[in-house]
C-alpha atoms as a PDB file:
ATOM      1  CA  MET A   1     -11.722 -31.178  26.330  1.00  0.00           C
ATOM      2  CA  ARG A   2      -8.264 -29.875  27.565  1.00  0.00           C
ATOM      3  CA  GLN A   3      -7.331 -26.490  27.685  1.00  0.00           C
ATOM      4  CA  LEU A   4      -4.366 -25.767  25.070  1.00  0.00           C
ATOM      5  CA  ARG A   5      -3.518 -21.945  25.599  1.00  0.00           C
ATOM      6  CA  ASN A   6      -4.649 -19.444  27.842  1.00  0.00           C
ATOM      7  CA  ASN A   7      -3.004 -15.708  28.243  1.00  0.00           C
ATOM      8  CA  PRO A   8      -5.159 -12.515  29.475  1.00  0.00           C
ATOM      9  CA  PHE A   9      -7.630 -12.297  26.657  1.00  0.00           C
ATOM     10  CA  LYS A  10      -8.470 -15.499  25.013  1.00  0.00           C
ATOM     11  CA  VAL A  11      -8.801 -19.090  25.749  1.00  0.00           C
ATOM     12  CA  TRP A  12      -8.310 -21.667  23.474  1.00  0.00           C
ATOM     13  CA  TYR A  13      -9.301 -25.349  23.835  1.00  0.00           C
ATOM     14  CA  LEU A  14      -8.637 -28.538  21.505  1.00  0.00           C
ATOM     15  CA  ASP A  15     -10.515 -31.508  21.324  1.00  0.00           C
ATOM     16  CA  ASP A  16      -8.957 -35.190  21.560  1.00  0.00           C
ATOM     17  CA  ASN A  17      -9.024 -35.476  17.984  1.00  0.00           C
ATOM     18  CA  SER A  18      -7.599 -32.031  17.226  1.00  0.00           C
ATOM     19  CA  GLN A  19     -10.086 -31.164  15.070  1.00  0.00           C
ATOM     20  CA  ARG A  20     -12.382 -28.963  16.725  1.00  0.00           C
ATOM     21  CA  GLN A  21     -11.557 -25.929  18.624  1.00  0.00           C
ATOM     22  CA  SER A  22     -13.484 -23.174  20.755  1.00  0.00           C
ATOM     23  CA  PHE A  23     -11.954 -19.635  21.180  1.00  0.00           C
ATOM     24  CA  GLU A  24     -13.761 -17.238  23.696  1.00  0.00           C
ATOM     25  CA  PRO A  25     -12.505 -13.704  24.700  1.00  0.00           C
ATOM     26  CA  THR A  26     -12.663 -12.511  27.952  1.00  0.00           C
ATOM     27  CA  ASP A  27     -14.501  -9.359  27.178  1.00  0.00           C
ATOM     28  CA  PRO A  28     -18.081  -9.861  25.567  1.00  0.00           C
ATOM     29  CA  LYS A  29     -17.375  -6.616  23.576  1.00  0.00           C
ATOM     30  CA  LEU A  30     -14.669  -7.606  22.297  1.00  0.00           C
ATOM     31  CA  ALA A  31     -16.079 -11.168  21.085  1.00  0.00           C
ATOM     32  CA  HIS A  32     -18.977  -8.557  19.212  1.00  0.00           C
ATOM     33  CA  ALA A  33     -15.992  -6.708  17.121  1.00  0.00           C
ATOM     34  CA  LEU A  34     -14.142  -9.753  16.406  1.00  0.00           C
ATOM     35  CA  PHE A  35     -17.206 -11.705  15.155  1.00  0.00           C
ATOM     36  CA  GLY A  36     -18.939  -8.742  13.704  1.00  0.00           C
ATOM     37  CA  GLN A  37     -22.332  -7.851  13.034  1.00  0.00           C
ATOM     38  CA  GLN A  38     -24.304 -10.775  12.530  1.00  0.00           C
ATOM     39  CA  ASN A  39     -21.553 -12.889  12.406  1.00  0.00           C
ATOM     40  CA  ARG A  40     -20.188 -11.209   9.429  1.00  0.00           C
ATOM     41  CA  HIS A  41     -16.497 -11.353  10.059  1.00  0.00           C
ATOM     42  CA  LEU A  42     -16.517 -15.020  11.050  1.00  0.00           C
ATOM     43  CA  ARG A  43     -18.442 -16.108   7.635  1.00  0.00           C
ATOM     44  CA  GLN A  44     -15.661 -13.894   5.882  1.00  0.00           C
ATOM     45  CA  ILE A  45     -12.935 -16.214   7.832  1.00  0.00           C
ATOM     46  CA  GLU A  46     -14.735 -19.566   6.836  1.00  0.00           C
ATOM     47  CA  ARG A  47     -14.811 -18.256   3.487  1.00  0.00           C
ATOM     48  CA  LEU A  48     -10.945 -17.628   3.315  1.00  0.00           C
ATOM     49  CA  THR A  49      -9.944 -20.772   5.130  1.00  0.00           C
ATOM     50  CA  GLY A  50     -12.316 -23.340   4.256  1.00  0.00           C
ATOM     51  CA  VAL A  51     -12.814 -24.027   8.083  1.00  0.00           C
ATOM     52  CA  ARG A  52     -16.271 -24.191   9.350  1.00  0.00           C
ATOM     53  CA  VAL A  53     -17.031 -21.092  11.835  1.00  0.00           C
ATOM     54  CA  SER A  54     -19.934 -20.366  14.114  1.00  0.00           C
ATOM     55  CA  SER A  55     -20.915 -18.730  17.402  1.00  0.00           C
ATOM     56  CA  LYS A  56     -22.710 -19.419  20.606  1.00  0.00           C
ATOM     57  CA  GLY A  57     -22.659 -16.428  22.580  1.00  0.00           C
ATOM     58  CA  THR A  58     -19.483 -15.105  22.993  1.00  0.00           C
ATOM     59  CA  THR A  59     -17.794 -18.498  22.040  1.00  0.00           C
ATOM     60  CA  ALA A  60     -16.353 -19.082  18.375  1.00  0.00           C
ATOM     61  CA  MET A  61     -16.569 -22.439  17.282  1.00  0.00           C
ATOM     62  CA  LEU A  62     -13.961 -23.397  14.745  1.00  0.00           C
ATOM     63  CA  GLU A  63     -14.083 -27.451  12.748  1.00  0.00           C
ATOM     64  CA  GLY A  64     -11.677 -28.282  10.091  1.00  0.00           C
ATOM     65  CA  THR A  65      -8.189 -30.099   9.592  1.00  0.00           C
ATOM     66  CA  GLY A  66      -4.655 -29.552   9.385  1.00  0.00           C
ATOM     67  CA  GLU A  67      -3.393 -26.421   7.537  1.00  0.00           C
ATOM     68  CA  GLY A  68      -6.868 -24.657   7.407  1.00  0.00           C
ATOM     69  CA  LEU A  69      -7.693 -25.214  10.985  1.00  0.00           C
ATOM     70  CA  ALA A  70      -4.561 -23.843  11.784  1.00  0.00           C
ATOM     71  CA  ARG A  71      -4.952 -21.150   9.304  1.00  0.00           C
ATOM     72  CA  ALA A  72      -7.832 -19.601  11.277  1.00  0.00           C
ATOM     73  CA  VAL A  73      -6.685 -20.372  14.402  1.00  0.00           C
ATOM     74  CA  ARG A  74      -3.802 -17.960  13.794  1.00  0.00           C
ATOM     75  CA  LEU A  75      -6.058 -15.409  12.026  1.00  0.00           C
ATOM     76  CA  LEU A  76      -8.410 -14.988  14.617  1.00  0.00           C
ATOM     77  CA  GLU A  77      -5.384 -14.944  17.206  1.00  0.00           C
ATOM     78  CA  GLU A  78      -3.959 -12.065  15.101  1.00  0.00           C
ATOM     79  CA  LEU A  79      -7.209  -9.874  15.021  1.00  0.00           C
ATOM     80  CA  THR A  80      -7.819  -9.834  18.554  1.00  0.00           C
ATOM     81  CA  GLY A  81      -4.419  -8.681  18.994  1.00  0.00           C
ATOM     82  CA  LEU A  82      -5.077  -5.606  16.523  1.00  0.00           C
ATOM     83  CA  LEU A  83      -8.657  -5.371  18.509  1.00  0.00           C
ATOM     84  CA  VAL A  84      -7.230  -5.215  22.290  1.00  0.00           C
ATOM     85  CA  LYS A  85      -5.151  -1.961  20.957  1.00  0.00           C
ATOM     86  CA  GLY A  86      -8.048  -0.422  19.723  1.00  0.00           C
ATOM     87  CA  PHE A  87      -8.179  -1.017  15.862  1.00  0.00           C
ATOM     88  CA  ALA A  88     -11.343  -0.529  14.175  1.00  0.00           C
ATOM     89  CA  LEU A  89     -11.577  -4.027  12.491  1.00  0.00           C
ATOM     90  CA  ARG A  90     -13.272  -3.664   8.785  1.00  0.00           C
ATOM     91  CA  PRO A  91     -14.106  -6.295   6.416  1.00  0.00           C
ATOM     92  CA  PRO A  92     -11.171  -5.758   3.879  1.00  0.00           C
ATOM     93  CA  ASP A  93      -8.973  -5.712   6.725  1.00  0.00           C
ATOM     94  CA  ILE A  94      -9.615  -9.542   7.181  1.00  0.00           C
ATOM     95  CA  GLU A  95      -9.078 -10.331   3.793  1.00  0.00           C
ATOM     96  CA  TYR A  96      -5.500  -8.142   3.712  1.00  0.00           C
ATOM     97  CA  ALA A  97      -4.770 -10.050   7.141  1.00  0.00           C
ATOM     98  CA  ASP A  98      -5.019 -13.606   5.894  1.00  0.00           C
ATOM     99  CA  ARG A  99      -2.699 -12.588   2.644  1.00  0.00           C
ATOM    100  CA  ILE A 100      -0.220 -11.545   5.061  1.00  0.00           C
ATOM    101  CA  LEU A 101      -0.329 -14.188   7.291  1.00  0.00           C
ATOM    102  CA  SER A 102      -0.553 -16.726   4.468  1.00  0.00           C
ATOM    103  CA  GLN A 103       2.670 -15.173   3.324  1.00  0.00           C
ATOM    104  CA  ASP A 104       4.602 -15.243   6.682  1.00  0.00           C
ATOM    105  CA  ARG A 105       3.595 -17.112   9.197  1.00  0.00           C
ATOM    106  CA  SER A 106       5.446 -15.046  11.669  1.00  0.00           C
ATOM    107  CA  ALA A 107       4.227 -11.743  10.850  1.00  0.00           C
ATOM    108  CA  SER A 108       2.617  -9.575  13.401  1.00  0.00           C
ATOM    109  CA  LEU A 109      -0.621  -7.577  12.453  1.00  0.00           C
ATOM    110  CA  VAL A 110      -0.032  -5.220  15.398  1.00  0.00           C
ATOM    111  CA  ASP A 111       3.170  -4.157  13.901  1.00  0.00           C
ATOM    112  CA  ILE A 112       1.886  -3.734  10.251  1.00  0.00           C
ATOM    113  CA  PHE A 113      -1.588  -2.776  10.673  1.00  0.00           C
ATOM    114  CA  LEU A 114      -0.528   0.109  13.593  1.00  0.00           C
ATOM    115  CA  ASP A 115       2.229   1.721  11.697  1.00  0.00           C
ATOM    116  CA  THR A 116       0.198   4.456  11.001  1.00  0.00           C
ATOM    117  CA  VAL A 117       0.964   7.582   8.818  1.00  0.00           C
ATOM    118  CA  THR A 118      -0.716  10.407   9.902  1.00  0.00           C
ATOM    119  CA  VAL A 119      -1.905  12.641   6.933  1.00  0.00           C
ATOM    120  CA  SER A 120      -4.839  15.400   7.440  1.00  0.00           C
ATOM    121  CA  SER A 121      -5.745  17.853   9.854  1.00  0.00           C
ATOM    122  CA  ARG A 122      -8.083  15.557  11.414  1.00  0.00           C
ATOM    123  CA  ASN A 123      -5.496  12.987  12.150  1.00  0.00           C
ATOM    124  CA  ARG A 124      -6.408  10.462   9.350  1.00  0.00           C
ATOM    125  CA  SER A 125      -4.331   7.782   9.514  1.00  0.00           C
ATOM    126  CA  ILE A 126      -3.025   5.633   6.853  1.00  0.00           C
ATOM    127  CA  SER A 127      -1.593   2.161   7.455  1.00  0.00           C
ATOM    128  CA  PRO A 128       0.060  -0.860   5.437  1.00  0.00           C
ATOM    129  CA  LYS A 129      -2.268  -3.484   4.321  1.00  0.00           C
ATOM    130  CA  SER A 130       0.741  -6.146   3.354  1.00  0.00           C
ATOM    131  CA  ILE A 131       3.891  -6.926   4.013  1.00  0.00           C
ATOM    132  CA  SER A 132       5.486  -5.397   0.921  1.00  0.00           C
ATOM    133  CA  GLN A 133       3.862  -1.998   1.890  1.00  0.00           C
ATOM    134  CA  LYS A 134       5.172  -2.280   5.664  1.00  0.00           C
ATOM    135  CA  ARG A 135       8.904  -2.546   3.652  1.00  0.00           C
ATOM    136  CA  TYR A 136       8.000   0.395   1.694  1.00  0.00           C
ATOM    137  CA  LEU A 137       7.038   2.713   4.539  1.00  0.00           C
ATOM    138  CA  ASP A 138      10.057   1.405   6.599  1.00  0.00           C
ATOM    139  CA  ALA A 139      12.114   1.957   3.305  1.00  0.00           C
ATOM    140  CA  MET A 140      10.968   5.746   2.673  1.00  0.00           C
ATOM    141  CA  ARG A 141      11.747   6.490   6.380  1.00  0.00           C
ATOM    142  CA  LYS A 142      15.146   5.230   6.126  1.00  0.00           C
ATOM    143  CA  ASN A 143      16.205   6.185   2.783  1.00  0.00           C
ATOM    144  CA  ASP A 144      16.966   9.132   0.347  1.00  0.00           C
ATOM    145  CA  VAL A 145      15.633   7.469  -3.017  1.00  0.00           C
ATOM    146  CA  VAL A 146      13.043   4.792  -2.935  1.00  0.00           C
ATOM    147  CA  PHE A 147      11.663   2.952  -5.985  1.00  0.00           C
ATOM    148  CA  GLY A 148       8.115   1.184  -5.533  1.00  0.00           C
ATOM    149  CA  ILE A 149       8.113  -1.372  -8.265  1.00  0.00           C
ATOM    150  CA  GLY A 150       4.620  -3.531  -8.953  1.00  0.00           C
ATOM    151  CA  PRO A 151       1.300  -3.513 -10.440  1.00  0.00           C
ATOM    152  CA  ALA A 152      -1.299  -1.188 -10.036  1.00  0.00           C
ATOM    153  CA  GLY A 153      -3.196  -1.180  -6.708  1.00  0.00           C
ATOM    154  CA  THR A 154      -0.736  -1.994  -4.748  1.00  0.00           C
ATOM    155  CA  GLY A 155      -0.494   1.644  -3.134  1.00  0.00           C
ATOM    156  CA  LYS A 156       2.649   2.591  -4.706  1.00  0.00           C
ATOM    157  CA  THR A 157       1.577   5.932  -5.358  1.00  0.00           C
ATOM    158  CA  TYR A 158      -0.959   6.185  -2.768  1.00  0.00           C
ATOM    159  CA  LEU A 159       1.388   5.509   0.127  1.00  0.00           C
ATOM    160  CA  ALA A 160       4.221   8.167  -1.054  1.00  0.00           C
ATOM    161  CA  MET A 161       1.609  10.340  -1.182  1.00  0.00           C
ATOM    162  CA  ALA A 162       0.733   9.737   2.176  1.00  0.00           C
ATOM    163  CA  MET A 163       4.408  10.046   3.630  1.00  0.00           C
ATOM    164  CA  ALA A 164       4.904  13.235   1.692  1.00  0.00           C
ATOM    165  CA  VAL A 165       1.760  15.026   3.733  1.00  0.00           C
ATOM    166  CA  ALA A 166       2.831  13.622   6.610  1.00  0.00           C
ATOM    167  CA  GLN A 167       6.395  14.792   6.249  1.00  0.00           C
ATOM    168  CA  LEU A 168       4.818  18.398   5.221  1.00  0.00           C
ATOM    169  CA  LYS A 169       2.641  18.685   8.146  1.00  0.00           C
ATOM    170  CA  LYS A 170       5.705  17.687  10.359  1.00  0.00           C
ATOM    171  CA  LYS A 171       7.575  20.361   8.682  1.00  0.00           C
ATOM    172  CA  GLU A 172      10.352  17.888   7.688  1.00  0.00           C
ATOM    173  CA  VAL A 173      10.056  19.182   4.421  1.00  0.00           C
ATOM    174  CA  SER A 174       8.734  22.681   2.912  1.00  0.00           C
ATOM    175  CA  ARG A 175       7.163  21.560  -0.148  1.00  0.00           C
ATOM    176  CA  ILE A 176       5.897  18.399  -2.022  1.00  0.00           C
ATOM    177  CA  VAL A 177       6.663  18.198  -5.804  1.00  0.00           C
ATOM    178  CA  LEU A 178       4.610  15.032  -7.879  1.00  0.00           C
ATOM    179  CA  VAL A 179       5.827  14.723 -11.304  1.00  0.00           C
ATOM    180  CA  ARG A 180       4.962  12.469 -14.046  1.00  0.00           C
ATOM    181  CA  PRO A 181       6.217  11.872 -17.484  1.00  0.00           C
ATOM    182  CA  ALA A 182       3.706  12.930 -20.305  1.00  0.00           C
ATOM    183  CA  VAL A 183       3.357  10.007 -22.869  1.00  0.00           C
ATOM    184  CA  GLU A 184       0.778   9.078 -24.708  1.00  0.00           C
ATOM    185  CA  ALA A 185      -0.639   5.956 -24.301  1.00  0.00           C
ATOM    186  CA  GLY A 186      -2.307   5.294 -27.700  1.00  0.00           C
ATOM    187  CA  GLU A 187      -3.274   9.002 -27.938  1.00  0.00           C
ATOM    188  CA  LYS A 188      -1.213  12.279 -29.418  1.00  0.00           C
ATOM    189  CA  LEU A 189      -0.706  15.174 -27.161  1.00  0.00           C
ATOM    190  CA  GLY A 190      -0.913  17.525 -30.117  1.00  0.00           C
ATOM    191  CA  PHE A 191      -4.652  16.223 -30.668  1.00  0.00           C
ATOM    192  CA  LEU A 192      -5.775  17.508 -27.155  1.00  0.00           C
ATOM    193  CA  PRO A 193      -7.294  21.227 -27.259  1.00  0.00           C
ATOM    194  CA  GLY A 194      -5.320  24.033 -25.335  1.00  0.00           C
ATOM    195  CA  ASP A 195      -1.771  24.956 -24.569  1.00  0.00           C
ATOM    196  CA  LEU A 196       1.109  22.592 -23.156  1.00  0.00           C
ATOM    197  CA  THR A 197      -0.244  22.765 -19.235  1.00  0.00           C
ATOM    198  CA  GLU A 198      -3.740  21.881 -20.741  1.00  0.00           C
ATOM    199  CA  LYS A 199      -2.579  19.174 -22.961  1.00  0.00           C
ATOM    200  CA  VAL A 200      -0.230  17.466 -20.087  1.00  0.00           C
ATOM    201  CA  ASN A 201      -3.130  18.056 -17.306  1.00  0.00           C
ATOM    202  CA  PRO A 202      -5.366  14.512 -18.045  1.00  0.00           C
ATOM    203  CA  TYR A 203      -1.662  12.916 -17.330  1.00  0.00           C
ATOM    204  CA  LEU A 204      -1.186  14.721 -14.069  1.00  0.00           C
ATOM    205  CA  ARG A 205      -4.970  13.737 -13.138  1.00  0.00           C
ATOM    206  CA  PRO A 206      -4.136  10.675 -11.358  1.00  0.00           C
ATOM    207  CA  LEU A 207      -1.541  12.412  -8.855  1.00  0.00           C
ATOM    208  CA  TYR A 208      -4.327  15.320  -8.003  1.00  0.00           C
ATOM    209  CA  ASP A 209      -6.810  12.813  -6.876  1.00  0.00           C
ATOM    210  CA  ALA A 210      -4.579  10.928  -4.408  1.00  0.00           C
ATOM    211  CA  LEU A 211      -3.835  14.129  -3.129  1.00  0.00           C
ATOM    212  CA  TYR A 212      -7.340  15.534  -2.613  1.00  0.00           C
ATOM    213  CA  ASP A 213      -8.069  12.071  -1.399  1.00  0.00           C
ATOM    214  CA  LEU A 214      -5.499  12.490   1.633  1.00  0.00           C
ATOM    215  CA  MET A 215      -6.393  16.003   2.409  1.00  0.00           C
ATOM    216  CA  ASP A 216      -9.494  18.305   1.818  1.00  0.00           C
ATOM    217  CA  PHE A 217     -10.112  19.890  -1.402  1.00  0.00           C
ATOM    218  CA  ASP A 218      -9.658  23.435  -0.467  1.00  0.00           C
ATOM    219  CA  ARG A 219      -6.406  22.516   1.913  1.00  0.00           C
ATOM    220  CA  GLY A 220      -4.841  21.105  -1.010  1.00  0.00           C
ATOM    221  CA  GLN A 221      -5.704  23.752  -3.658  1.00  0.00           C
ATOM    222  CA  ALA A 222      -4.468  26.144  -1.498  1.00  0.00           C
ATOM    223  CA  LEU A 223      -1.030  25.009  -1.341  1.00  0.00           C
ATOM    224  CA  ILE A 224      -1.048  24.041  -4.819  1.00  0.00           C
ATOM    225  CA  ASP A 225      -1.816  28.023  -5.303  1.00  0.00           C
ATOM    226  CA  HIS A 226       0.554  28.633  -2.656  1.00  0.00           C
ATOM    227  CA  GLY A 227       3.543  26.814  -4.615  1.00  0.00           C
ATOM    228  CA  VAL A 228       4.058  24.393  -1.116  1.00  0.00           C
ATOM    229  CA  ILE A 229       2.585  21.383  -3.622  1.00  0.00           C
ATOM    230  CA  GLU A 230       3.880  21.515  -7.103  1.00  0.00           C
ATOM    231  CA  VAL A 231       2.471  19.358  -9.754  1.00  0.00           C
ATOM    232  CA  ALA A 232       4.157  19.040 -13.040  1.00  0.00           C
ATOM    233  CA  PRO A 233       4.956  17.139 -16.051  1.00  0.00           C
ATOM    234  CA  LEU A 234       8.458  15.652 -16.101  1.00  0.00           C
ATOM    235  CA  ALA A 235      10.022  18.112 -18.710  1.00  0.00           C
ATOM    236  CA  PHE A 236       9.539  20.642 -16.510  1.00  0.00           C
ATOM    237  CA  MET A 237      12.419  19.361 -14.131  1.00  0.00           C
ATOM    238  CA  ARG A 238      15.299  19.288 -16.104  1.00  0.00           C
ATOM    239  CA  GLY A 239      17.481  22.500 -15.156  1.00  0.00           C
ATOM    240  CA  ARG A 240      15.918  22.665 -11.656  1.00  0.00           C
ATOM    241  CA  THR A 241      17.609  21.993  -8.221  1.00  0.00           C
ATOM    242  CA  LEU A 242      15.064  20.814  -5.793  1.00  0.00           C
ATOM    243  CA  ASN A 243      15.838  21.349  -1.947  1.00  0.00           C
ATOM    244  CA  ASP A 244      14.074  20.881   1.085  1.00  0.00           C
ATOM    245  CA  ALA A 245      11.320  18.861  -0.999  1.00  0.00           C
ATOM    246  CA  PHE A 246       9.666  15.522  -0.827  1.00  0.00           C
ATOM    247  CA  VAL A 247       9.552  14.468  -4.495  1.00  0.00           C
ATOM    248  CA  ILE A 248       7.426  11.900  -5.871  1.00  0.00           C
ATOM    249  CA  LEU A 249       7.909  10.537  -9.945  1.00  0.00           C
ATOM    250  CA  ASP A 250       4.983   8.376 -10.743  1.00  0.00           C
ATOM    251  CA  GLU A 251       4.382   5.922 -13.989  1.00  0.00           C
ATOM    252  CA  ALA A 252       8.584   6.094 -13.893  1.00  0.00           C
ATOM    253  CA  GLN A 253       8.055   2.971 -16.535  1.00  0.00           C
ATOM    254  CA  ASN A 254       7.502   5.581 -19.163  1.00  0.00           C
ATOM    255  CA  THR A 255      10.494   7.827 -18.568  1.00  0.00           C
ATOM    256  CA  THR A 256      13.775   7.398 -21.149  1.00  0.00           C
ATOM    257  CA  THR A 257      16.955   6.846 -19.648  1.00  0.00           C
ATOM    258  CA  GLU A 258      18.015  10.292 -19.657  1.00  0.00           C
ATOM    259  CA  GLN A 259      15.247  11.464 -18.227  1.00  0.00           C
ATOM    260  CA  MET A 260      15.100   9.297 -15.404  1.00  0.00           C
ATOM    261  CA  LYS A 261      18.946  10.105 -14.423  1.00  0.00           C
ATOM    262  CA  MET A 262      17.847  13.929 -15.490  1.00  0.00           C
ATOM    263  CA  PHE A 263      15.532  13.511 -12.352  1.00  0.00           C
ATOM    264  CA  LEU A 264      17.653  12.178  -9.982  1.00  0.00           C
ATOM    265  CA  THR A 265      20.123  14.342 -10.132  1.00  0.00           C
ATOM    266  CA  ARG A 266      17.674  17.167  -9.338  1.00  0.00           C
ATOM    267  CA  LEU A 267      17.494  15.900  -5.552  1.00  0.00           C
ATOM    268  CA  GLY A 268      19.045  18.969  -3.599  1.00  0.00           C
ATOM    269  CA  PHE A 269      19.670  18.930   0.022  1.00  0.00           C
ATOM    270  CA  GLY A 270      17.220  18.032   2.837  1.00  0.00           C
ATOM    271  CA  SER A 271      15.513  16.351  -0.051  1.00  0.00           C
ATOM    272  CA  CYS A 272      14.028  12.771  -0.775  1.00  0.00           C
ATOM    273  CA  ALA A 273      12.239  11.243  -3.856  1.00  0.00           C
ATOM    274  CA  VAL A 274      10.109   8.187  -4.128  1.00  0.00           C
ATOM    275  CA  ILE A 275       9.596   6.768  -8.046  1.00  0.00           C
ATOM    276  CA  THR A 276       6.718   4.343  -8.847  1.00  0.00           C
ATOM    277  CA  GLY A 277       5.848   2.276 -11.879  1.00  0.00           C
ATOM    278  CA  ASP A 278       5.165  -1.070 -13.020  1.00  0.00           C
ATOM    279  CA  ILE A 279       7.546  -2.337 -15.736  1.00  0.00           C
ATOM    280  CA  THR A 280       5.027  -4.297 -17.401  1.00  0.00           C
ATOM    281  CA  GLN A 281       3.039  -1.158 -18.232  1.00  0.00           C
ATOM    282  CA  ILE A 282       5.553   0.890 -20.568  1.00  0.00           C
ATOM    283  CA  ASP A 283       4.005   3.128 -23.360  1.00  0.00           C
ATOM    284  CA  LEU A 284       7.172   4.250 -24.885  1.00  0.00           C
ATOM    285  CA  PRO A 285       7.664   3.891 -28.574  1.00  0.00           C
ATOM    286  CA  THR A 286       9.546   0.649 -29.518  1.00  0.00           C
ATOM    287  CA  GLY A 287      13.206   0.371 -29.385  1.00  0.00           C
ATOM    288  CA  ARG A 288      13.376   2.880 -26.235  1.00  0.00           C
ATOM    289  CA  THR A 289      14.944   1.330 -22.801  1.00  0.00           C
ATOM    290  CA  SER A 290      12.476   2.257 -19.930  1.00  0.00           C
ATOM    291  CA  GLY A 291      14.546   4.407 -17.354  1.00  0.00           C
ATOM    292  CA  LEU A 292      12.930   2.572 -14.566  1.00  0.00           C
ATOM    293  CA  ILE A 293      14.601  -0.614 -15.878  1.00  0.00           C
ATOM    294  CA  GLN A 294      17.650   0.541 -15.975  1.00  0.00           C
ATOM    295  CA  ALA A 295      17.812   2.083 -12.906  1.00  0.00           C
ATOM    296  CA  MET A 296      16.793  -1.213 -11.209  1.00  0.00           C
ATOM    297  CA  ASP A 297      20.449  -2.756 -12.901  1.00  0.00           C
ATOM    298  CA  VAL A 298      22.150   0.401 -12.287  1.00  0.00           C
ATOM    299  CA  LEU A 299      21.296   1.611  -8.601  1.00  0.00           C
ATOM    300  CA  GLY A 300      20.573  -1.543  -6.919  1.00  0.00           C
ATOM    301  CA  HIS A 301      23.923  -0.976  -4.857  1.00  0.00           C
ATOM    302  CA  VAL A 302      24.043   2.493  -4.213  1.00  0.00           C
ATOM    303  CA  ASN A 303      24.045   3.103  -1.006  1.00  0.00           C
ATOM    304  CA  GLY A 304      20.863   5.581   0.463  1.00  0.00           C
ATOM    305  CA  VAL A 305      18.637   3.780  -2.443  1.00  0.00           C
ATOM    306  CA  SER A 306      16.222   1.104  -1.857  1.00  0.00           C
ATOM    307  CA  PHE A 307      13.826  -1.261  -4.500  1.00  0.00           C
ATOM    308  CA  VAL A 308      10.601  -2.625  -2.822  1.00  0.00           C
ATOM    309  CA  THR A 309       9.052  -4.812  -5.201  1.00  0.00           C
ATOM    310  CA  PHE A 310       4.953  -5.275  -4.909  1.00  0.00           C
ATOM    311  CA  SER A 311       2.957  -8.114  -6.541  1.00  0.00           C
ATOM    312  CA  ASP A 312      -0.523  -9.248  -7.116  1.00  0.00           C
ATOM    313  CA  VAL A 313      -0.917 -10.223  -3.210  1.00  0.00           C
ATOM    314  CA  ASP A 314      -0.233  -6.557  -2.319  1.00  0.00           C
ATOM    315  CA  VAL A 315      -3.286  -5.288  -4.608  1.00  0.00           C
ATOM    316  CA  VAL A 316      -5.557  -3.278  -2.376  1.00  0.00           C
ATOM    317  CA  ARG A 317      -8.280  -2.582  -4.736  1.00  0.00           C
ATOM    318  CA  HIS A 318     -11.333  -4.322  -5.366  1.00  0.00           C
ATOM    319  CA  PRO A 319     -10.569  -8.203  -4.768  1.00  0.00           C
ATOM    320  CA  ILE A 320     -11.637  -8.510  -8.768  1.00  0.00           C
ATOM    321  CA  VAL A 321      -8.175  -6.479  -9.506  1.00  0.00           C
ATOM    322  CA  GLN A 322      -5.786  -9.133  -7.832  1.00  0.00           C
ATOM    323  CA  GLY A 323      -7.546 -11.871 -10.013  1.00  0.00           C
ATOM    324  CA  ILE A 324      -7.346  -9.539 -13.210  1.00  0.00           C
ATOM    325  CA  VAL A 325      -3.544  -8.900 -12.152  1.00  0.00           C
ATOM    326  CA  ARG A 326      -2.815 -12.588 -11.868  1.00  0.00           C
ATOM    327  CA  ALA A 327      -4.342 -13.728 -15.326  1.00  0.00           C
ATOM    328  CA  TYR A 328      -2.337 -11.346 -16.955  1.00  0.00           C
ATOM    329  CA  GLU A 329       0.924 -12.338 -15.133  1.00  0.00           C
ATOM    330  CA  ALA A 330      -0.045 -15.752 -16.048  1.00  0.00           C
ATOM    331  CA  HIS A 331      -0.649 -14.993 -19.594  1.00  0.00           C
ATOM    332  CA  ASN A 332       2.582 -13.014 -20.161  1.00  0.00           C
ATOM    333  CA  PRO A 333       5.091 -14.713 -17.392  1.00  0.00           C
ATOM    334  CA  GLY A 334       7.885 -12.469 -18.949  1.00  0.00           C
END
């Protein structure tokens, strides 16, 4: 067997028929973290790549052919690089890592997974799990208006919320405004009990859910009570100017063209806006044009406005969600 590659934390060997490789990290603790408890991580890599993977002590042995073997090698190399940097590897991360490297062989997991957004008093960090999510975070850092467009489960709203909370924590903005259109998806507001605020609250619940997942309930509620965080239906934005705010418009596919223009012209000095939506899930009445679709046509070349598109490969929910998204896209390709 001849040595193929050598660096400070790993050594690769390749046999004469190029079908088998072994990998031994120089640090046994690193090997344990990479292999996972009872080789859990290695079994996952085997399932993802179709390469037979086993271990003997601190050595991983791979057996396969062609592209599958190269894919497994690259995945182990990149995961090792993450572990060396102190990343806490979990089974879902391996699946996300394989998707990223399959999409872009030159991608660096260190650059993506370690690009963190710190959002809580306990310094909880949120990091991108796909190339599009990384582009999304970069776009929010560089632009005043960012559109995140794609299917459910791709982290559009959650990452925008994380960025908003992080900027509030660092005092880069003085408040967060979370907005949703109150459009009926098969239900009528008039049939719901209570006054207008009580009627629209169910439509705003996903924004509350994301907020309370990023900070503890008491802290989040206190900020809402003091007006530092505002959660409101889109109709409440008319006539306002929002200064020094991070504004998120969720479910933007259900805005009309007039509402979208109204929302975008609410931005004042020191503010930024993130608009999220899925153009395959429009609940507007027949014949009404989605403000999100029109914005894609009108604002594509405006300086300071960025569009980031997500697809099924960016889904970070339960693995079955990715399959569901793909199935519906195949059934309705338009």
